[in-house]
Amino acid sequence: MTDHFVICHGSSDRQVVAIANAIEEELIRVCRRKPKHVEGRTLGEWILMDYIDFVVHVFVGDKREFYRLERLWDDAPRLQLPAST
């Protein structure tokens, strides 16, 4: 159980790892939050970062398209996040 999901993707396994690393570093820096558990960093095709009250999924593009996690929560409200600066 979690309150929110963040689902995003990169164009390669290296970019997926870089995205996950950047998310983790920024949450530590700004919010002093570390993930409770991280899976998939070795392969970099689908990295799951569990922060308990939210879960981050970072996919390589074709894996995101294949698994289509968004369809599982089609009826869930979506939050529009501000663009990064």
PDB file of N, CA and C in Angstrom:
ATOM      1  N   MET A   1       0.841  -1.175   0.000  1.00  0.00           N
ATOM      2  CA  MET A   1       0.000   0.000   0.000  1.00  0.00           C
ATOM      3  C   MET A   1       0.889   1.242   0.000  1.00  0.00           C
ATOM      4  N   THR A   2       0.482   2.194  -0.786  1.00  0.00           N
ATOM      5  CA  THR A   2       1.191   3.468  -0.851  1.00  0.00           C
ATOM      6  C   THR A   2       0.199   4.555  -1.219  1.00  0.00           C
ATOM      7  N   ASP A   3       0.579   5.796  -1.052  1.00  0.00           N
ATOM      8  CA  ASP A   3      -0.303   6.913  -1.368  1.00  0.00           C
ATOM      9  C   ASP A   3      -0.171   7.369  -2.811  1.00  0.00           C
ATOM     10  N   HIS A   4       1.042   7.314  -3.354  1.00  0.00           N
ATOM     11  CA  HIS A   4       1.298   7.845  -4.691  1.00  0.00           C
ATOM     12  C   HIS A   4       2.317   6.995  -5.437  1.00  0.00           C
ATOM     13  N   PHE A   5       2.214   7.036  -6.754  1.00  0.00           N
ATOM     14  CA  PHE A   5       3.203   6.436  -7.638  1.00  0.00           C
ATOM     15  C   PHE A   5       3.762   7.522  -8.532  1.00  0.00           C
ATOM     16  N   VAL A   6       5.051   7.458  -8.779  1.00  0.00           N
ATOM     17  CA  VAL A   6       5.696   8.283  -9.802  1.00  0.00           C
ATOM     18  C   VAL A   6       6.188   7.298 -10.849  1.00  0.00           C
ATOM     19  N   ILE A   7       5.766   7.503 -12.095  1.00  0.00           N
ATOM     20  CA  ILE A   7       6.154   6.609 -13.182  1.00  0.00           C
ATOM     21  C   ILE A   7       6.798   7.450 -14.266  1.00  0.00           C
ATOM     22  N   CYS A   8       8.039   7.083 -14.627  1.00  0.00           N
ATOM     23  CA  CYS A   8       8.754   7.816 -15.665  1.00  0.00           C
ATOM     24  C   CYS A   8       9.660   6.845 -16.411  1.00  0.00           C
ATOM     25  N   HIS A   9      10.297   7.344 -17.465  1.00  0.00           N
ATOM     26  CA  HIS A   9      11.171   6.455 -18.238  1.00  0.00           C
ATOM     27  C   HIS A   9      12.339   7.226 -18.841  1.00  0.00           C
ATOM     28  N   GLY A  10      13.354   6.442 -19.206  1.00  0.00           N
ATOM     29  CA  GLY A  10      14.516   6.950 -19.912  1.00  0.00           C
ATOM     30  C   GLY A  10      14.670   6.203 -21.218  1.00  0.00           C
ATOM     31  N   SER A  11      15.584   6.649 -22.042  1.00  0.00           N
ATOM     32  CA  SER A  11      15.740   6.042 -23.370  1.00  0.00           C
ATOM     33  C   SER A  11      16.749   4.895 -23.395  1.00  0.00           C
ATOM     34  N   SER A  12      17.490   4.688 -22.292  1.00  0.00           N
ATOM     35  CA  SER A  12      18.459   3.594 -22.226  1.00  0.00           C
ATOM     36  C   SER A  12      18.614   3.161 -20.772  1.00  0.00           C
ATOM     37  N   ASP A  13      19.218   2.002 -20.553  1.00  0.00           N
ATOM     38  CA  ASP A  13      19.426   1.539 -19.185  1.00  0.00           C
ATOM     39  C   ASP A  13      20.329   2.492 -18.408  1.00  0.00           C
ATOM     40  N   ARG A  14      21.304   3.069 -19.063  1.00  0.00           N
ATOM     41  CA  ARG A  14      22.195   4.031 -18.385  1.00  0.00           C
ATOM     42  C   ARG A  14      21.425   5.281 -17.970  1.00  0.00           C
ATOM     43  N   GLN A  15      20.523   5.740 -18.827  1.00  0.00           N
ATOM     44  CA  GLN A  15      19.739   6.915 -18.486  1.00  0.00           C
ATOM     45  C   GLN A  15      18.761   6.604 -17.348  1.00  0.00           C
ATOM     46  N   VAL A  16      18.187   5.409 -17.345  1.00  0.00           N
ATOM     47  CA  VAL A  16      17.286   5.003 -16.264  1.00  0.00           C
ATOM     48  C   VAL A  16      18.022   5.035 -14.923  1.00  0.00           C
ATOM     49  N   VAL A  17      19.218   4.491 -14.883  1.00  0.00           N
ATOM     50  CA  VAL A  17      20.013   4.512 -13.649  1.00  0.00           C
ATOM     51  C   VAL A  17      20.335   5.953 -13.258  1.00  0.00           C
ATOM     52  N   ALA A  18      20.677   6.793 -14.225  1.00  0.00           N
ATOM     53  CA  ALA A  18      20.984   8.197 -13.935  1.00  0.00           C
ATOM     54  C   ALA A  18      19.755   8.921 -13.386  1.00  0.00           C
ATOM     55  N   ILE A  19      18.586   8.650 -13.940  1.00  0.00           N
ATOM     56  CA  ILE A  19      17.349   9.265 -13.448  1.00  0.00           C
ATOM     57  C   ILE A  19      17.088   8.825 -12.011  1.00  0.00           C
ATOM     58  N   ALA A  20      17.186   7.529 -11.750  1.00  0.00           N
ATOM     59  CA  ALA A  20      16.960   7.012 -10.397  1.00  0.00           C
ATOM     60  C   ALA A  20      17.962   7.607  -9.412  1.00  0.00           C
ATOM     61  N   ASN A  21      19.215   7.686  -9.809  1.00  0.00           N
ATOM     62  CA  ASN A  21      20.238   8.281  -8.941  1.00  0.00           C
ATOM     63  C   ASN A  21      19.928   9.744  -8.645  1.00  0.00           C
ATOM     64  N   ALA A  22      19.502  10.481  -9.662  1.00  0.00           N
ATOM     65  CA  ALA A  22      19.182  11.901  -9.477  1.00  0.00           C
ATOM     66  C   ALA A  22      17.986  12.077  -8.549  1.00  0.00           C
ATOM     67  N   ILE A  23      16.970  11.234  -8.704  1.00  0.00           N
ATOM     68  CA  ILE A  23      15.808  11.296  -7.817  1.00  0.00           C
ATOM     69  C   ILE A  23      16.235  11.036  -6.379  1.00  0.00           C
ATOM     70  N   GLU A  24      17.014   9.973  -6.185  1.00  0.00           N
ATOM     71  CA  GLU A  24      17.456   9.627  -4.837  1.00  0.00           C
ATOM     72  C   GLU A  24      18.302  10.740  -4.223  1.00  0.00           C
ATOM     73  N   GLU A  25      19.255  11.261  -4.978  1.00  0.00           N
ATOM     74  CA  GLU A  25      20.125  12.331  -4.464  1.00  0.00           C
ATOM     75  C   GLU A  25      19.339  13.590  -4.111  1.00  0.00           C
ATOM     76  N   GLU A  26      18.393  13.952  -4.965  1.00  0.00           N
ATOM     77  CA  GLU A  26      17.612  15.173  -4.720  1.00  0.00           C
ATOM     78  C   GLU A  26      16.696  15.010  -3.504  1.00  0.00           C
ATOM     79  N   LEU A  27      16.091  13.849  -3.348  1.00  0.00           N
ATOM     80  CA  LEU A  27      15.227  13.635  -2.186  1.00  0.00           C
ATOM     81  C   LEU A  27      16.030  13.598  -0.890  1.00  0.00           C
ATOM     82  N   ILE A  28      17.249  13.095  -0.950  1.00  0.00           N
ATOM     83  CA  ILE A  28      18.112  13.135   0.232  1.00  0.00           C
ATOM     84  C   ILE A  28      18.503  14.581   0.529  1.00  0.00           C
ATOM     85  N   ARG A  29      18.889  15.313  -0.509  1.00  0.00           N
ATOM     86  CA  ARG A  29      19.355  16.693  -0.331  1.00  0.00           C
ATOM     87  C   ARG A  29      18.241  17.619   0.152  1.00  0.00           C
ATOM     88  N   VAL A  30      17.100  17.559  -0.500  1.00  0.00           N
ATOM     89  CA  VAL A  30      16.029  18.508  -0.214  1.00  0.00           C
ATOM     90  C   VAL A  30      15.136  18.057   0.947  1.00  0.00           C
ATOM     91  N   CYS A  31      14.796  16.791   0.971  1.00  0.00           N
ATOM     92  CA  CYS A  31      13.809  16.296   1.940  1.00  0.00           C
ATOM     93  C   CYS A  31      14.389  15.399   3.025  1.00  0.00           C
ATOM     94  N   ARG A  32      15.673  15.097   2.892  1.00  0.00           N
ATOM     95  CA  ARG A  32      16.319  14.154   3.815  1.00  0.00           C
ATOM     96  C   ARG A  32      15.573  12.826   3.873  1.00  0.00           C
ATOM     97  N   ARG A  33      15.160  12.366   2.687  1.00  0.00           N
ATOM     98  CA  ARG A  33      14.433  11.100   2.566  1.00  0.00           C
ATOM     99  C   ARG A  33      15.272  10.105   1.786  1.00  0.00           C
ATOM    100  N   LYS A  34      15.446   8.916   2.357  1.00  0.00           N
ATOM    101  CA  LYS A  34      16.115   7.814   1.666  1.00  0.00           C
ATOM    102  C   LYS A  34      15.072   6.747   1.384  1.00  0.00           C
ATOM    103  N   PRO A  35      15.221   6.029   0.269  1.00  0.00           N
ATOM    104  CA  PRO A  35      14.250   4.965  -0.002  1.00  0.00           C
ATOM    105  C   PRO A  35      14.398   3.831   1.005  1.00  0.00           C
ATOM    106  N   LYS A  36      13.270   3.237   1.340  1.00  0.00           N
ATOM    107  CA  LYS A  36      13.289   2.069   2.221  1.00  0.00           C
ATOM    108  C   LYS A  36      13.895   0.875   1.497  1.00  0.00           C
ATOM    109  N   HIS A  37      13.630   0.795   0.176  1.00  0.00           N
ATOM    110  CA  HIS A  37      14.116  -0.327  -0.617  1.00  0.00           C
ATOM    111  C   HIS A  37      14.227   0.100  -2.081  1.00  0.00           C
ATOM    112  N   VAL A  38      15.242  -0.396  -2.764  1.00  0.00           N
ATOM    113  CA  VAL A  38      15.432  -0.135  -4.196  1.00  0.00           C
ATOM    114  C   VAL A  38      15.686  -1.471  -4.881  1.00  0.00           C
ATOM    115  N   GLU A  39      15.015  -1.693  -6.014  1.00  0.00           N
ATOM    116  CA  GLU A  39      15.230  -2.903  -6.812  1.00  0.00           C
ATOM    117  C   GLU A  39      15.506  -2.516  -8.261  1.00  0.00           C
ATOM    118  N   GLY A  40      16.314  -3.315  -8.934  1.00  0.00           N
ATOM    119  CA  GLY A  40      16.505  -3.176 -10.369  1.00  0.00           C
ATOM    120  C   GLY A  40      17.640  -2.296 -10.828  1.00  0.00           C
ATOM    121  N   ARG A  41      18.387  -1.732  -9.914  1.00  0.00           N
ATOM    122  CA  ARG A  41      19.447  -0.806 -10.307  1.00  0.00           C
ATOM    123  C   ARG A  41      20.531  -1.501 -11.131  1.00  0.00           C
ATOM    124  N   THR A  42      20.778  -2.780 -10.897  1.00  0.00           N
ATOM    125  CA  THR A  42      21.829  -3.509 -11.608  1.00  0.00           C
ATOM    126  C   THR A  42      21.552  -3.589 -13.103  1.00  0.00           C
ATOM    127  N   LEU A  43      20.331  -3.969 -13.479  1.00  0.00           N
ATOM    128  CA  LEU A  43      19.992  -4.079 -14.905  1.00  0.00           C
ATOM    129  C   LEU A  43      19.589  -2.747 -15.514  1.00  0.00           C
ATOM    130  N   GLY A  44      18.947  -1.903 -14.740  1.00  0.00           N
ATOM    131  CA  GLY A  44      18.562  -0.588 -15.224  1.00  0.00           C
ATOM    132  C   GLY A  44      17.415  -0.579 -16.217  1.00  0.00           C
ATOM    133  N   GLU A  45      16.636  -1.644 -16.283  1.00  0.00           N
ATOM    134  CA  GLU A  45      15.475  -1.673 -17.181  1.00  0.00           C
ATOM    135  C   GLU A  45      14.208  -1.199 -16.480  1.00  0.00           C
ATOM    136  N   TRP A  46      14.118  -1.479 -15.176  1.00  0.00           N
ATOM    137  CA  TRP A  46      12.989  -1.053 -14.365  1.00  0.00           C
ATOM    138  C   TRP A  46      13.503  -0.926 -12.946  1.00  0.00           C
ATOM    139  N   ILE A  47      13.614   0.286 -12.473  1.00  0.00           N
ATOM    140  CA  ILE A  47      14.066   0.524 -11.105  1.00  0.00           C
ATOM    141  C   ILE A  47      12.868   0.954 -10.278  1.00  0.00           C
ATOM    142  N   LEU A  48      12.667   0.253  -9.175  1.00  0.00           N
ATOM    143  CA  LEU A  48      11.593   0.556  -8.248  1.00  0.00           C
ATOM    144  C   LEU A  48      12.225   1.106  -6.981  1.00  0.00           C
ATOM    145  N   MET A  49      11.765   2.272  -6.565  1.00  0.00           N
ATOM    146  CA  MET A  49      12.280   2.921  -5.356  1.00  0.00           C
ATOM    147  C   MET A  49      11.104   3.109  -4.395  1.00  0.00           C
ATOM    148  N   ASP A  50      11.135   2.405  -3.278  1.00  0.00           N
ATOM    149  CA  ASP A  50      10.034   2.419  -2.319  1.00  0.00           C
ATOM    150  C   ASP A  50      10.334   3.396  -1.183  1.00  0.00           C
ATOM    151  N   TYR A  51       9.555   4.469  -1.138  1.00  0.00           N
ATOM    152  CA  TYR A  51       9.679   5.465  -0.081  1.00  0.00           C
ATOM    153  C   TYR A  51       8.514   5.362   0.917  1.00  0.00           C
ATOM    154  N   ILE A  52       7.846   4.236   0.950  1.00  0.00           N
ATOM    155  CA  ILE A  52       6.710   3.898   1.803  1.00  0.00           C
ATOM    156  C   ILE A  52       5.448   4.661   1.390  1.00  0.00           C
ATOM    157  N   ASP A  53       5.404   5.994   1.555  1.00  0.00           N
ATOM    158  CA  ASP A  53       4.195   6.721   1.192  1.00  0.00           C
ATOM    159  C   ASP A  53       4.130   7.084  -0.290  1.00  0.00           C
ATOM    160  N   PHE A  54       5.198   6.832  -1.016  1.00  0.00           N
ATOM    161  CA  PHE A  54       5.165   6.908  -2.480  1.00  0.00           C
ATOM    162  C   PHE A  54       6.208   5.950  -3.037  1.00  0.00           C
ATOM    163  N   VAL A  55       5.952   5.489  -4.252  1.00  0.00           N
ATOM    164  CA  VAL A  55       6.838   4.548  -4.936  1.00  0.00           C
ATOM    165  C   VAL A  55       7.186   5.134  -6.292  1.00  0.00           C
ATOM    166  N   VAL A  56       8.477   5.100  -6.623  1.00  0.00           N
ATOM    167  CA  VAL A  56       8.963   5.616  -7.899  1.00  0.00           C
ATOM    168  C   VAL A  56       9.312   4.431  -8.802  1.00  0.00           C
ATOM    169  N   HIS A  57       8.781   4.440 -10.012  1.00  0.00           N
ATOM    170  CA  HIS A  57       9.114   3.451 -11.031  1.00  0.00           C
ATOM    171  C   HIS A  57       9.836   4.186 -12.157  1.00  0.00           C
ATOM    172  N   VAL A  58      11.046   3.775 -12.464  1.00  0.00           N
ATOM    173  CA  VAL A  58      11.792   4.361 -13.582  1.00  0.00           C
ATOM    174  C   VAL A  58      12.066   3.229 -14.563  1.00  0.00           C
ATOM    175  N   PHE A  59      11.498   3.339 -15.745  1.00  0.00           N
ATOM    176  CA  PHE A  59      11.592   2.303 -16.769  1.00  0.00           C
ATOM    177  C   PHE A  59      12.487   2.738 -17.913  1.00  0.00           C
ATOM    178  N   VAL A  60      13.026   1.772 -18.644  1.00  0.00           N
ATOM    179  CA  VAL A  60      13.510   2.028 -19.991  1.00  0.00           C
ATOM    180  C   VAL A  60      12.235   2.048 -20.848  1.00  0.00           C
ATOM    181  N   GLY A  61      12.205   2.878 -21.885  1.00  0.00           N
ATOM    182  CA  GLY A  61      10.977   3.150 -22.634  1.00  0.00           C
ATOM    183  C   GLY A  61      10.165   1.935 -23.052  1.00  0.00           C
ATOM    184  N   ASP A  62      10.789   0.920 -23.640  1.00  0.00           N
ATOM    185  CA  ASP A  62      10.016  -0.224 -24.134  1.00  0.00           C
ATOM    186  C   ASP A  62       9.434  -1.060 -22.996  1.00  0.00           C
ATOM    187  N   LYS A  63      10.079  -1.101 -21.840  1.00  0.00           N
ATOM    188  CA  LYS A  63       9.528  -1.819 -20.683  1.00  0.00           C
ATOM    189  C   LYS A  63       8.321  -1.080 -20.123  1.00  0.00           C
ATOM    190  N   ARG A  64       8.385   0.243 -20.107  1.00  0.00           N
ATOM    191  CA  ARG A  64       7.226   1.007 -19.646  1.00  0.00           C
ATOM    192  C   ARG A  64       6.029   0.741 -20.545  1.00  0.00           C
ATOM    193  N   GLU A  65       6.264   0.743 -21.840  1.00  0.00           N
ATOM    194  CA  GLU A  65       5.189   0.478 -22.796  1.00  0.00           C
ATOM    195  C   GLU A  65       4.645  -0.941 -22.630  1.00  0.00           C
ATOM    196  N   PHE A  66       5.518  -1.911 -22.399  1.00  0.00           N
ATOM    197  CA  PHE A  66       5.092  -3.307 -22.253  1.00  0.00           C
ATOM    198  C   PHE A  66       4.239  -3.511 -21.002  1.00  0.00           C
ATOM    199  N   TYR A  67       4.708  -2.997 -19.852  1.00  0.00           N
ATOM    200  CA  TYR A  67       4.000  -3.228 -18.593  1.00  0.00           C
ATOM    201  C   TYR A  67       2.833  -2.282 -18.374  1.00  0.00           C
ATOM    202  N   ARG A  68       2.893  -1.083 -18.927  1.00  0.00           N
ATOM    203  CA  ARG A  68       1.793  -0.113 -18.880  1.00  0.00           C
ATOM    204  C   ARG A  68       1.137  -0.019 -17.502  1.00  0.00           C
ATOM    205  N   LEU A  69       1.926   0.262 -16.485  1.00  0.00           N
ATOM    206  CA  LEU A  69       1.398   0.356 -15.127  1.00  0.00           C
ATOM    207  C   LEU A  69       0.279   1.380 -15.000  1.00  0.00           C
ATOM    208  N   GLU A  70       0.335   2.422 -15.803  1.00  0.00           N
ATOM    209  CA  GLU A  70      -0.683   3.465 -15.729  1.00  0.00           C
ATOM    210  C   GLU A  70      -2.095   2.908 -15.929  1.00  0.00           C
ATOM    211  N   ARG A  71      -2.236   1.877 -16.727  1.00  0.00           N
ATOM    212  CA  ARG A  71      -3.582   1.340 -16.999  1.00  0.00           C
ATOM    213  C   ARG A  71      -4.192   0.713 -15.752  1.00  0.00           C
ATOM    214  N   LEU A  72      -3.350   0.281 -14.789  1.00  0.00           N
ATOM    215  CA  LEU A  72      -3.877  -0.306 -13.556  1.00  0.00           C
ATOM    216  C   LEU A  72      -4.593   0.727 -12.698  1.00  0.00           C
ATOM    217  N   TRP A  73      -4.241   2.010 -12.884  1.00  0.00           N
ATOM    218  CA  TRP A  73      -4.833   3.073 -12.084  1.00  0.00           C
ATOM    219  C   TRP A  73      -5.488   4.122 -12.982  1.00  0.00           C
ATOM    220  N   ASP A  74      -6.142   3.687 -14.048  1.00  0.00           N
ATOM    221  CA  ASP A  74      -6.790   4.625 -14.965  1.00  0.00           C
ATOM    222  C   ASP A  74      -7.791   5.534 -14.263  1.00  0.00           C
ATOM    223  N   ASP A  75      -8.468   5.025 -13.251  1.00  0.00           N
ATOM    224  CA  ASP A  75      -9.490   5.815 -12.572  1.00  0.00           C
ATOM    225  C   ASP A  75      -8.934   6.636 -11.402  1.00  0.00           C
ATOM    226  N   ALA A  76      -7.655   6.519 -11.119  1.00  0.00           N
ATOM    227  CA  ALA A  76      -7.046   7.271 -10.015  1.00  0.00           C
ATOM    228  C   ALA A  76      -6.807   8.718 -10.433  1.00  0.00           C
ATOM    229  N   PRO A  77      -6.954   9.659  -9.489  1.00  0.00           N
ATOM    230  CA  PRO A  77      -6.652  11.055  -9.826  1.00  0.00           C
ATOM    231  C   PRO A  77      -5.159  11.219 -10.123  1.00  0.00           C
ATOM    232  N   ARG A  78      -4.861  12.116 -11.051  1.00  0.00           N
ATOM    233  CA  ARG A  78      -3.461  12.380 -11.420  1.00  0.00           C
ATOM    234  C   ARG A  78      -3.064  13.752 -10.936  1.00  0.00           C
ATOM    235  N   LEU A  79      -1.840  13.839 -10.428  1.00  0.00           N
ATOM    236  CA  LEU A  79      -1.303  15.126  -9.985  1.00  0.00           C
ATOM    237  C   LEU A  79      -0.431  15.684 -11.082  1.00  0.00           C
ATOM    238  N   GLN A  80      -0.620  16.935 -11.389  1.00  0.00           N
ATOM    239  CA  GLN A  80       0.234  17.599 -12.366  1.00  0.00           C
ATOM    240  C   GLN A  80       1.386  18.248 -11.611  1.00  0.00           C
ATOM    241  N   LEU A  81       2.594  17.782 -11.870  1.00  0.00           N
ATOM    242  CA  LEU A  81       3.762  18.330 -11.189  1.00  0.00           C
ATOM    243  C   LEU A  81       4.308  19.518 -11.968  1.00  0.00           C
ATOM    244  N   PRO A  82       4.853  20.504 -11.259  1.00  0.00           N
ATOM    245  CA  PRO A  82       5.425  21.649 -11.960  1.00  0.00           C
ATOM    246  C   PRO A  82       6.669  21.224 -12.740  1.00  0.00           C
ATOM    247  N   ALA A  83       6.920  21.924 -13.821  1.00  0.00           N
ATOM    248  CA  ALA A  83       8.120  21.662 -14.615  1.00  0.00           C
ATOM    249  C   ALA A  83       9.358  21.996 -13.801  1.00  0.00           C
ATOM    250  N   SER A  84      10.407  21.218 -14.002  1.00  0.00           N
ATOM    251  CA  SER A  84      11.651  21.496 -13.260  1.00  0.00           C
ATOM    252  C   SER A  84      12.310  22.737 -13.832  1.00  0.00           C
ATOM    253  N   THR A  85      13.057  23.408 -12.992  1.00  0.00           N
ATOM    254  CA  THR A  85      13.723  24.645 -13.444  1.00  0.00           C
ATOM    255  C   THR A  85      15.199  24.450 -13.543  1.00  0.00           C
TER     256      THR A  85
END
